[in-house]
Amino acid sequence: MSISEELHKRRQAAVARGVGSVIPCYVERGGGGTLVDVDGREWIDFAAGIAVTNVGNSAPRVVAAVKEQVERFTHTSFMVAPYESYVAVCEELNGLTPGGFDKRSALFNSGAEAVENAVKIARHATGRPAVVVFDHAYHGRTNLTMALTAKNMPYKHRFGPFAGEVYRVPMSYPLRDGGLTGPAAAARAIDVIEKQVGAENVAAVLIEPIQGEGGFVVPAEGFLPALREWATAAGALLIADEIQTGFCRTGDWFACQHEDVEPDLVTLAKGIAGGLPLAAVTGRADVMDAVHVGGLGGTYGGNPLACAAALAAIETMREEELCAAARRIESVMTARLRQVAARDPRIAEVRGRGAMLAVELVQPDGFTPDPLATAAVSAACHRAGLLTLTCGTYGNVLRFLPPLVIDESTLTRGLDILDAAFAGA
């Protein structure tokens, strides 16, 4: 019996069944673009901990910063006894996020927590109740964020009732929109908002600039700017959920920058701290400061170890020019994925931006989703040592999120495995 098999038996006796894993092996170490499990097997990593380890699993600056911090102190709670690194992270986020206006930030633990707090802030600042979200959206697993999330299984099934005053409108999904332009898709969504919610009731429009779990859906050009324009006119706030798209992942620091969209609030997590749990809400100073003292916070929010890691991760992104690295990954991967798509009719679309790329698989009619083929290709990748993820409302999208520090040789080896998986599955 392998060590991983022994660990799996222990897991079955100790870990709740509802916590799933993509592969049955247990990781011992990782770095760059690979993981090594406890049995010595190497895995090429096209997942990056779900877009978390943008700087790698053991980035030298992050490792050194955490070691130094852990020797000084591990926790005080910023709400009790504050420390400089929390302030420094907020300063960095205020400067990095889109928008030349005065900003403030607050730190939390997870993406879902950031989204919940962004909704709290928006409702408090506007005095309005309604939050508008989109088809195919994913925003988290807490009660409020499950209400914000579109997909039932496995995220919402039998976990309700959910929080109220959440309204869902159509997303721009170019592959499935019949050629609808971005502005036209925005007009469709806005029409639903105005007729079914009422502009005067909307506290915030919450959107992922590129949808993550929903299928790496990239809205048509002009969709996000049109929503920005409408929100401003309606007195509502635009919240950009950049939890998966942020920190160089899409070839810019943030995906909103592709169309020069300046959201009122941005939710951040995942790639922020090189693998340590940290999240944030950053936004307009007048909106963020509308909340009374004590209205925001949490025991572990902005933990000093995570703050040290975040400062080191941001330095790594700057020094190693990881936005440019993401664009290089896009160039290599999209060329190869399009070659595969040209000979495999199951691939209806290659899409994404930077190192956030995907292929959507369909049945022979060219439109009906094919989740079985998607699962088969992903399983073939796993058998050959390539860690891939599936996603999408219909479960028919293969998504690729390699660490931004992956070298071209490892990236190419991974693409060779993927190519062979399509040929054989």
Protein backbone atom coordinates (compact mmCIF):
# COMPACT_ATOMS: atom_id res chain seq x y z
CA MET A 1 0.00 0.00 0.00
CA SER A 2 1.37 3.43 -0.93
CA ILE A 3 1.73 6.22 1.62
CA SER A 4 -1.04 8.14 -0.15
CA GLU A 5 -3.34 5.12 0.17
CA GLU A 6 -2.54 4.86 3.88
CA LEU A 7 -3.26 8.57 4.32
CA HIS A 8 -6.51 8.18 2.43
CA LYS A 9 -7.67 5.49 4.85
CA ARG A 10 -6.87 7.83 7.75
CA ARG A 11 -8.71 10.62 5.98
CA GLN A 12 -11.86 8.54 5.57
CA ALA A 13 -11.89 7.92 9.31
CA ALA A 14 -11.18 11.53 10.31
CA VAL A 15 -12.30 14.06 7.67
CA ALA A 16 -15.92 14.92 6.90
CA ARG A 17 -17.13 13.33 3.66
CA GLY A 18 -18.37 16.67 2.33
CA VAL A 19 -14.80 17.93 1.90
CA GLY A 20 -13.67 16.75 -1.52
CA SER A 21 -10.30 16.63 -3.29
CA VAL A 22 -9.41 16.55 -6.98
CA ILE A 23 -6.62 13.96 -6.80
CA PRO A 24 -6.20 11.01 -4.37
CA CYS A 25 -2.53 11.77 -3.60
CA TYR A 26 -1.10 13.78 -0.71
CA VAL A 27 1.42 16.54 -1.35
CA GLU A 28 4.75 16.65 0.44
CA ARG A 29 6.33 19.71 -1.23
CA GLY A 30 5.85 22.08 -4.12
CA GLY A 31 7.48 24.92 -5.97
CA GLY A 32 7.43 26.69 -9.30
CA GLY A 33 5.07 24.70 -11.47
CA THR A 34 5.22 21.28 -9.82
CA LEU A 35 4.05 19.38 -6.76
CA VAL A 36 5.60 16.20 -5.33
CA ASP A 37 3.44 13.80 -3.37
CA VAL A 38 4.39 11.64 -0.39
CA ASP A 39 5.18 8.72 -2.71
CA GLY A 40 7.65 10.80 -4.72
CA ARG A 41 5.42 11.30 -7.77
CA GLU A 42 5.69 14.64 -9.55
CA TRP A 43 2.58 16.52 -10.62
CA ILE A 44 2.66 19.40 -13.10
CA ASP A 45 0.45 22.03 -11.54
CA PHE A 46 -2.19 23.66 -13.74
CA ALA A 47 -4.31 24.59 -10.71
CA ALA A 48 -2.12 26.77 -8.44
CA GLY A 49 -4.34 25.99 -5.47
CA ILE A 50 -7.27 27.49 -7.44
CA ALA A 51 -5.36 30.62 -8.50
CA VAL A 52 -3.76 31.12 -5.09
CA THR A 53 -0.07 30.35 -5.58
CA ASN A 54 0.55 32.86 -8.35
CA VAL A 55 4.10 33.36 -7.03
CA GLY A 56 4.59 29.61 -6.50
CA ASN A 57 4.07 27.29 -3.54
CA SER A 58 7.33 28.23 -1.82
CA ALA A 59 8.33 31.66 -3.14
CA PRO A 60 11.64 32.60 -1.47
CA ARG A 61 10.55 36.10 -0.43
CA VAL A 62 7.33 34.76 1.06
CA VAL A 63 9.10 31.96 2.94
CA ALA A 64 11.69 34.36 4.38
CA ALA A 65 9.09 36.96 5.40
CA VAL A 66 6.89 34.41 7.18
CA LYS A 67 9.86 32.87 9.00
CA GLU A 68 10.93 36.28 10.24
CA GLN A 69 7.41 37.22 11.35
CA VAL A 70 6.65 33.95 13.11
CA GLU A 71 9.70 34.46 15.33
CA ARG A 72 8.46 37.91 16.38
CA PHE A 73 4.75 37.21 17.02
CA THR A 74 2.00 35.18 15.41
CA HIS A 75 -1.12 37.07 16.50
CA THR A 76 -2.46 39.96 18.52
CA SER A 77 -5.67 40.73 16.56
CA PHE A 78 -5.42 44.05 14.76
CA MET A 79 -8.63 45.11 16.53
CA VAL A 80 -6.87 44.76 19.89
CA ALA A 81 -3.20 45.62 19.37
CA PRO A 82 -2.44 46.81 15.81
CA TYR A 83 0.80 46.37 13.87
CA GLU A 84 2.52 48.00 10.92
CA SER A 85 2.23 45.20 8.35
CA TYR A 86 -1.60 45.43 8.27
CA VAL A 87 -1.30 49.14 7.46
CA ALA A 88 1.38 48.43 4.83
CA VAL A 89 -0.81 45.86 3.05
CA CYS A 90 -3.70 48.33 2.96
CA GLU A 91 -1.39 50.99 1.52
CA GLU A 92 -0.29 48.59 -1.21
CA LEU A 93 -3.86 47.61 -2.10
CA ASN A 94 -5.02 51.22 -2.18
CA GLY A 95 -2.29 51.99 -4.68
CA LEU A 96 -2.58 48.86 -6.82
CA THR A 97 -6.33 48.55 -7.37
CA PRO A 98 -8.03 50.38 -10.25
CA GLY A 99 -9.09 54.00 -9.72
CA GLY A 100 -7.14 57.18 -9.07
CA PHE A 101 -9.45 58.27 -6.23
CA ASP A 102 -8.73 58.15 -2.50
CA LYS A 103 -9.16 54.61 -1.16
CA ARG A 104 -9.33 52.63 2.07
CA SER A 105 -8.97 48.89 2.72
CA ALA A 106 -10.02 46.36 5.34
CA LEU A 107 -8.49 42.89 5.71
CA PHE A 108 -10.26 39.59 6.24
CA ASN A 109 -9.56 35.83 5.96
CA SER A 110 -11.26 34.42 2.86
CA GLY A 111 -12.85 35.44 -0.40
CA ALA A 112 -16.35 34.71 0.86
CA GLU A 113 -15.69 36.89 3.90
CA ALA A 114 -14.49 39.71 1.65
CA VAL A 115 -17.64 39.48 -0.47
CA GLU A 116 -19.90 39.47 2.60
CA ASN A 117 -18.19 42.57 3.93
CA ALA A 118 -18.36 44.34 0.57
CA VAL A 119 -22.13 43.78 0.58
CA LYS A 120 -22.35 45.04 4.16
CA ILE A 121 -20.40 48.16 3.25
CA ALA A 122 -22.47 48.81 0.13
CA ARG A 123 -25.77 48.49 1.95
CA HIS A 124 -24.57 50.69 4.80
CA ALA A 125 -23.16 53.38 2.52
CA THR A 126 -26.16 53.55 0.18
CA GLY A 127 -28.99 52.79 2.59
CA ARG A 128 -30.39 50.41 -0.01
CA PRO A 129 -31.07 46.66 0.32
CA ALA A 130 -30.80 45.01 -3.12
CA VAL A 131 -27.71 43.29 -4.51
CA VAL A 132 -27.62 42.37 -8.20
CA VAL A 133 -25.58 39.33 -9.30
CA PHE A 134 -25.28 37.35 -12.54
CA ASP A 135 -26.01 33.98 -14.06
CA HIS A 136 -23.08 31.54 -13.66
CA ALA A 137 -21.61 33.61 -10.79
CA TYR A 138 -19.62 32.11 -7.93
CA HIS A 139 -18.98 34.18 -4.81
CA GLY A 140 -18.51 31.69 -1.95
CA ARG A 141 -19.97 29.06 0.38
CA THR A 142 -21.29 31.06 3.37
CA ASN A 143 -25.04 31.68 3.64
CA LEU A 144 -25.00 35.10 1.95
CA THR A 145 -22.43 34.12 -0.66
CA MET A 146 -24.37 30.95 -1.49
CA ALA A 147 -27.32 33.24 -2.25
CA LEU A 148 -25.03 35.26 -4.50
CA THR A 149 -23.69 32.10 -6.21
CA ALA A 150 -25.68 30.72 -9.16
CA LYS A 151 -24.84 27.00 -9.23
CA ASN A 152 -26.87 24.64 -7.07
CA MET A 153 -24.75 21.45 -6.93
CA PRO A 154 -22.53 21.15 -5.00
CA TYR A 155 -22.54 24.67 -3.54
CA LYS A 156 -26.17 25.34 -2.53
CA HIS A 157 -27.99 22.00 -2.57
CA ARG A 158 -30.09 21.58 0.62
CA PHE A 159 -28.22 24.34 2.48
CA GLY A 160 -31.02 26.94 2.34
CA PRO A 161 -32.92 29.06 3.07
CA PHE A 162 -30.55 31.76 1.90
CA ALA A 163 -30.18 35.48 2.55
CA GLY A 164 -32.69 37.72 0.80
CA GLU A 165 -32.61 40.83 -1.39
CA VAL A 166 -30.36 39.12 -3.96
CA TYR A 167 -31.42 39.40 -7.61
CA ARG A 168 -29.92 37.50 -10.55
CA VAL A 169 -29.69 38.87 -14.10
CA PRO A 170 -28.27 37.51 -17.40
CA MET A 171 -24.51 37.48 -17.91
CA SER A 172 -22.68 38.21 -21.14
CA TYR A 173 -21.64 34.72 -22.30
CA PRO A 174 -20.40 35.16 -25.89
CA LEU A 175 -20.38 31.47 -26.81
CA ARG A 176 -24.03 31.09 -25.77
CA ASP A 177 -25.38 34.58 -26.52
CA GLY A 178 -25.90 34.20 -30.25
CA GLY A 179 -23.56 37.05 -31.16
CA LEU A 180 -24.95 39.57 -28.68
CA THR A 181 -22.53 42.46 -28.22
CA GLY A 182 -21.30 43.61 -24.83
CA PRO A 183 -23.46 46.77 -24.75
CA ALA A 184 -26.50 44.80 -25.91
CA ALA A 185 -25.94 42.13 -23.24
CA ALA A 186 -25.60 44.90 -20.63
CA ALA A 187 -28.85 46.48 -21.83
CA ARG A 188 -30.55 43.10 -21.40
CA ALA A 189 -29.30 42.82 -17.81
CA ILE A 190 -30.15 46.43 -17.00
CA ASP A 191 -33.68 45.97 -18.32
CA VAL A 192 -34.20 43.12 -15.86
CA ILE A 193 -32.79 45.21 -13.00
CA GLU A 194 -35.00 48.18 -13.72
CA LYS A 195 -38.18 46.15 -14.24
CA GLN A 196 -37.78 43.51 -11.51
CA VAL A 197 -35.71 45.25 -8.83
CA GLY A 198 -35.95 49.00 -9.37
CA ALA A 199 -32.82 51.11 -9.80
CA GLU A 200 -33.58 53.09 -6.64
CA ASN A 201 -33.40 49.89 -4.55
CA VAL A 202 -30.00 48.67 -5.76
CA ALA A 203 -27.13 48.97 -3.30
CA ALA A 204 -24.62 47.21 -5.52
CA VAL A 205 -24.02 45.36 -8.74
CA LEU A 206 -21.57 42.54 -7.93
CA ILE A 207 -19.67 40.91 -10.79
CA GLU A 208 -16.58 38.84 -11.53
CA PRO A 209 -14.79 40.62 -14.43
CA ILE A 210 -14.03 37.12 -15.72
CA GLN A 211 -16.19 34.47 -14.11
CA GLY A 212 -14.31 31.73 -12.29
CA GLU A 213 -16.21 28.64 -11.19
CA GLY A 214 -18.99 29.60 -13.61
CA GLY A 215 -16.77 28.61 -16.53
CA PHE A 216 -14.07 31.25 -17.06
CA VAL A 217 -16.67 33.25 -18.95
CA VAL A 218 -15.13 36.40 -20.43
CA PRO A 219 -17.88 38.98 -21.04
CA ALA A 220 -18.03 40.63 -24.44
CA GLU A 221 -16.15 43.91 -24.80
CA GLY A 222 -18.24 46.82 -23.57
CA PHE A 223 -20.32 44.82 -21.06
CA LEU A 224 -18.43 45.92 -17.94
CA PRO A 225 -18.13 49.61 -18.96
CA ALA A 226 -21.88 49.73 -19.64
CA LEU A 227 -22.60 48.34 -16.16
CA ARG A 228 -20.20 50.89 -14.68
CA GLU A 229 -22.04 53.71 -16.45
CA TRP A 230 -25.45 52.47 -15.34
CA ALA A 231 -24.42 51.99 -11.70
CA THR A 232 -23.06 55.53 -11.52
CA ALA A 233 -26.27 56.98 -12.99
CA ALA A 234 -28.43 54.86 -10.66
CA GLY A 235 -26.51 55.75 -7.50
CA ALA A 236 -25.54 52.10 -7.02
CA LEU A 237 -22.06 50.78 -6.32
CA LEU A 238 -20.15 48.53 -8.70
CA ILE A 239 -18.33 45.77 -6.81
CA ALA A 240 -15.69 43.85 -8.78
CA ASP A 241 -15.05 40.37 -7.40
CA GLU A 242 -11.38 40.04 -8.35
CA ILE A 243 -10.76 37.15 -5.97
CA GLN A 244 -9.71 34.73 -8.73
CA THR A 245 -8.70 37.27 -11.39
CA GLY A 246 -6.49 39.49 -9.25
CA PHE A 247 -2.76 39.81 -8.67
CA CYS A 248 -1.38 39.47 -12.20
CA ARG A 249 -3.43 36.39 -13.06
CA THR A 250 -4.99 37.86 -16.23
CA GLY A 251 -1.91 39.75 -17.45
CA ASP A 252 -2.85 42.94 -15.57
CA TRP A 253 -2.79 43.46 -11.83
CA PHE A 254 -6.59 43.25 -11.99
CA ALA A 255 -8.95 42.12 -14.74
CA CYS A 256 -10.98 45.37 -14.62
CA GLN A 257 -7.98 47.18 -16.03
CA HIS A 258 -8.42 45.50 -19.41
CA GLU A 259 -11.30 47.89 -20.18
CA ASP A 260 -10.24 50.67 -17.78
CA VAL A 261 -13.21 49.99 -15.49
CA GLU A 262 -12.92 51.58 -12.05
CA PRO A 263 -15.15 49.77 -9.54
CA ASP A 264 -16.30 51.43 -6.32
CA LEU A 265 -15.27 48.37 -4.30
CA VAL A 266 -12.97 45.44 -5.11
CA THR A 267 -12.94 42.11 -3.28
CA LEU A 268 -9.55 40.39 -3.11
CA ALA A 269 -8.15 37.08 -1.84
CA LYS A 270 -6.52 33.96 -3.40
CA GLY A 271 -3.29 35.25 -5.01
CA ILE A 272 -2.79 38.03 -2.47
CA ALA A 273 -0.47 36.25 -0.03
CA GLY A 274 1.36 33.37 -1.71
CA GLY A 275 -0.84 30.70 -0.14
CA LEU A 276 -1.56 32.13 3.30
CA PRO A 277 -5.18 32.99 4.13
CA LEU A 278 -5.83 36.69 3.55
CA ALA A 279 -8.57 38.68 1.89
CA ALA A 280 -9.53 42.31 1.54
CA VAL A 281 -12.10 44.85 0.49
CA THR A 282 -10.60 47.95 -1.10
CA GLY A 283 -12.62 50.88 -2.36
CA ARG A 284 -13.58 54.50 -2.43
CA ALA A 285 -12.68 56.20 0.83
CA ASP A 286 -16.11 57.79 1.27
CA VAL A 287 -17.81 54.41 0.85
CA MET A 288 -15.41 52.43 3.04
CA ASP A 289 -15.43 55.08 5.77
CA ALA A 290 -19.23 55.24 5.85
CA VAL A 291 -19.26 52.25 8.23
CA HIS A 292 -19.17 53.06 11.96
CA VAL A 293 -16.13 52.12 14.07
CA GLY A 294 -16.40 48.46 15.08
CA GLY A 295 -18.67 47.60 12.15
CA LEU A 296 -15.88 45.81 10.28
CA GLY A 297 -13.31 43.33 11.53
CA GLY A 298 -12.74 39.78 12.71
CA THR A 299 -10.43 37.99 15.11
CA TYR A 300 -7.95 36.77 12.50
CA GLY A 301 -8.48 39.37 9.76
CA GLY A 302 -5.10 40.64 8.57
CA ASN A 303 -3.14 38.13 10.63
CA PRO A 304 0.52 39.25 10.85
CA LEU A 305 1.87 36.11 9.16
CA ALA A 306 -0.51 36.57 6.23
CA CYS A 307 0.32 40.28 6.00
CA ALA A 308 4.05 39.52 5.89
CA ALA A 309 3.40 36.97 3.16
CA ALA A 310 1.28 39.43 1.18
CA LEU A 311 3.93 42.14 1.22
CA ALA A 312 6.52 39.62 0.05
CA ALA A 313 4.20 38.21 -2.63
CA ILE A 314 3.45 41.68 -4.00
CA GLU A 315 7.18 42.44 -4.07
CA THR A 316 7.72 39.18 -5.98
CA MET A 317 5.02 40.10 -8.49
CA ARG A 318 6.70 43.44 -9.12
CA GLU A 319 10.30 42.26 -9.20
CA GLU A 320 9.64 39.20 -11.35
CA GLU A 321 7.18 41.07 -13.61
CA LEU A 322 4.46 38.47 -13.22
CA CYS A 323 1.91 40.41 -15.29
CA ALA A 324 4.24 39.94 -18.25
CA ALA A 325 4.77 36.31 -17.23
CA ALA A 326 1.01 35.74 -17.34
CA ARG A 327 0.87 37.18 -20.85
CA ARG A 328 3.71 34.88 -21.95
CA ILE A 329 1.84 31.89 -20.53
CA GLU A 330 -1.25 33.00 -22.46
CA SER A 331 0.73 33.18 -25.69
CA VAL A 332 2.15 29.67 -25.32
CA MET A 333 -1.02 28.02 -24.04
CA THR A 334 -3.56 29.57 -26.38
CA ALA A 335 -1.49 28.65 -29.45
CA ARG A 336 -1.33 25.05 -28.28
CA LEU A 337 -4.97 24.87 -27.16
CA ARG A 338 -6.14 26.19 -30.52
CA GLN A 339 -4.12 23.47 -32.26
CA VAL A 340 -5.93 20.87 -30.16
CA ALA A 341 -9.28 22.55 -30.82
CA ALA A 342 -8.66 22.55 -34.57
CA ARG A 343 -8.62 18.76 -34.63
CA ASP A 344 -11.05 18.02 -31.78
CA PRO A 345 -14.64 19.13 -32.49
CA ARG A 346 -15.60 18.67 -28.85
CA ILE A 347 -13.85 21.96 -28.06
CA ALA A 348 -16.36 24.71 -28.79
CA GLU A 349 -14.19 27.55 -27.54
CA VAL A 350 -10.75 28.40 -26.21
CA ARG A 351 -11.06 31.43 -23.95
CA GLY A 352 -9.60 33.38 -21.08
CA ARG A 353 -6.94 35.96 -20.47
CA GLY A 354 -3.39 35.75 -19.17
CA ALA A 355 -2.82 32.58 -17.17
CA MET A 356 -6.56 32.12 -16.62
CA LEU A 357 -7.55 30.00 -19.62
CA ALA A 358 -10.18 27.40 -20.42
CA VAL A 359 -11.73 25.19 -23.07
CA GLU A 360 -15.46 24.45 -23.21
CA LEU A 361 -16.46 20.97 -24.41
CA VAL A 362 -19.70 20.19 -26.24
CA GLN A 363 -21.48 17.25 -27.85
CA PRO A 364 -21.47 16.63 -31.63
CA ASP A 365 -24.24 19.20 -32.20
CA GLY A 366 -21.63 21.87 -31.37
CA PHE A 367 -23.66 23.45 -28.55
CA THR A 368 -24.94 20.97 -25.92
CA PRO A 369 -22.54 20.83 -22.95
CA ASP A 370 -20.55 17.60 -22.54
CA PRO A 371 -19.56 17.18 -18.89
CA LEU A 372 -18.73 13.49 -19.34
CA ALA A 373 -16.06 14.19 -21.95
CA THR A 374 -14.71 17.01 -19.78
CA ALA A 375 -14.38 14.68 -16.79
CA ALA A 376 -12.76 12.01 -18.95
CA VAL A 377 -10.09 14.37 -20.29
CA SER A 378 -9.36 15.72 -16.83
CA ALA A 379 -9.07 12.19 -15.41
CA ALA A 380 -6.67 11.25 -18.22
CA CYS A 381 -4.54 14.27 -17.30
CA HIS A 382 -4.48 13.18 -13.66
CA ARG A 383 -3.38 9.65 -14.56
CA ALA A 384 -0.47 11.15 -16.50
CA GLY A 385 0.60 13.51 -13.72
CA LEU A 386 -1.03 16.80 -14.76
CA LEU A 387 -3.25 18.50 -12.18
CA THR A 388 -6.24 20.10 -13.93
CA LEU A 389 -9.60 21.42 -12.74
CA THR A 390 -13.08 21.41 -14.24
CA CYS A 391 -15.69 24.12 -13.79
CA GLY A 392 -18.75 25.70 -15.38
CA THR A 393 -22.46 25.75 -14.65
CA TYR A 394 -22.77 22.66 -16.88
CA GLY A 395 -19.53 21.01 -15.68
CA ASN A 396 -18.14 21.09 -19.23
CA VAL A 397 -15.19 23.46 -18.91
CA LEU A 398 -11.54 22.54 -18.33
CA ARG A 399 -9.77 25.47 -16.65
CA PHE A 400 -6.05 26.12 -16.47
CA LEU A 401 -4.37 28.17 -13.75
CA PRO A 402 -0.63 27.47 -13.74
CA PRO A 403 1.54 29.36 -11.26
CA LEU A 404 2.86 32.51 -12.91
CA VAL A 405 6.42 31.40 -12.13
CA ILE A 406 6.14 28.15 -14.11
CA ASP A 407 9.03 27.73 -16.56
CA GLU A 408 8.35 27.14 -20.26
CA SER A 409 9.72 23.60 -20.21
CA THR A 410 7.32 22.52 -17.46
CA LEU A 411 4.46 24.37 -19.14
CA THR A 412 5.19 22.55 -22.40
CA ARG A 413 5.35 19.16 -20.67
CA GLY A 414 1.94 19.87 -19.17
CA LEU A 415 0.51 20.84 -22.54
CA ASP A 416 1.92 17.63 -24.06
CA ILE A 417 0.02 15.63 -21.43
CA LEU A 418 -3.15 17.63 -22.10
CA ASP A 419 -2.80 17.10 -25.85
CA ALA A 420 -2.43 13.34 -25.35
CA ALA A 421 -5.40 13.29 -22.94
CA PHE A 422 -7.65 14.80 -25.61
CA ALA A 423 -6.37 12.33 -28.16
CA GLY A 424 -7.00 9.36 -25.88
CA ALA A 425 -10.12 10.28 -23.92
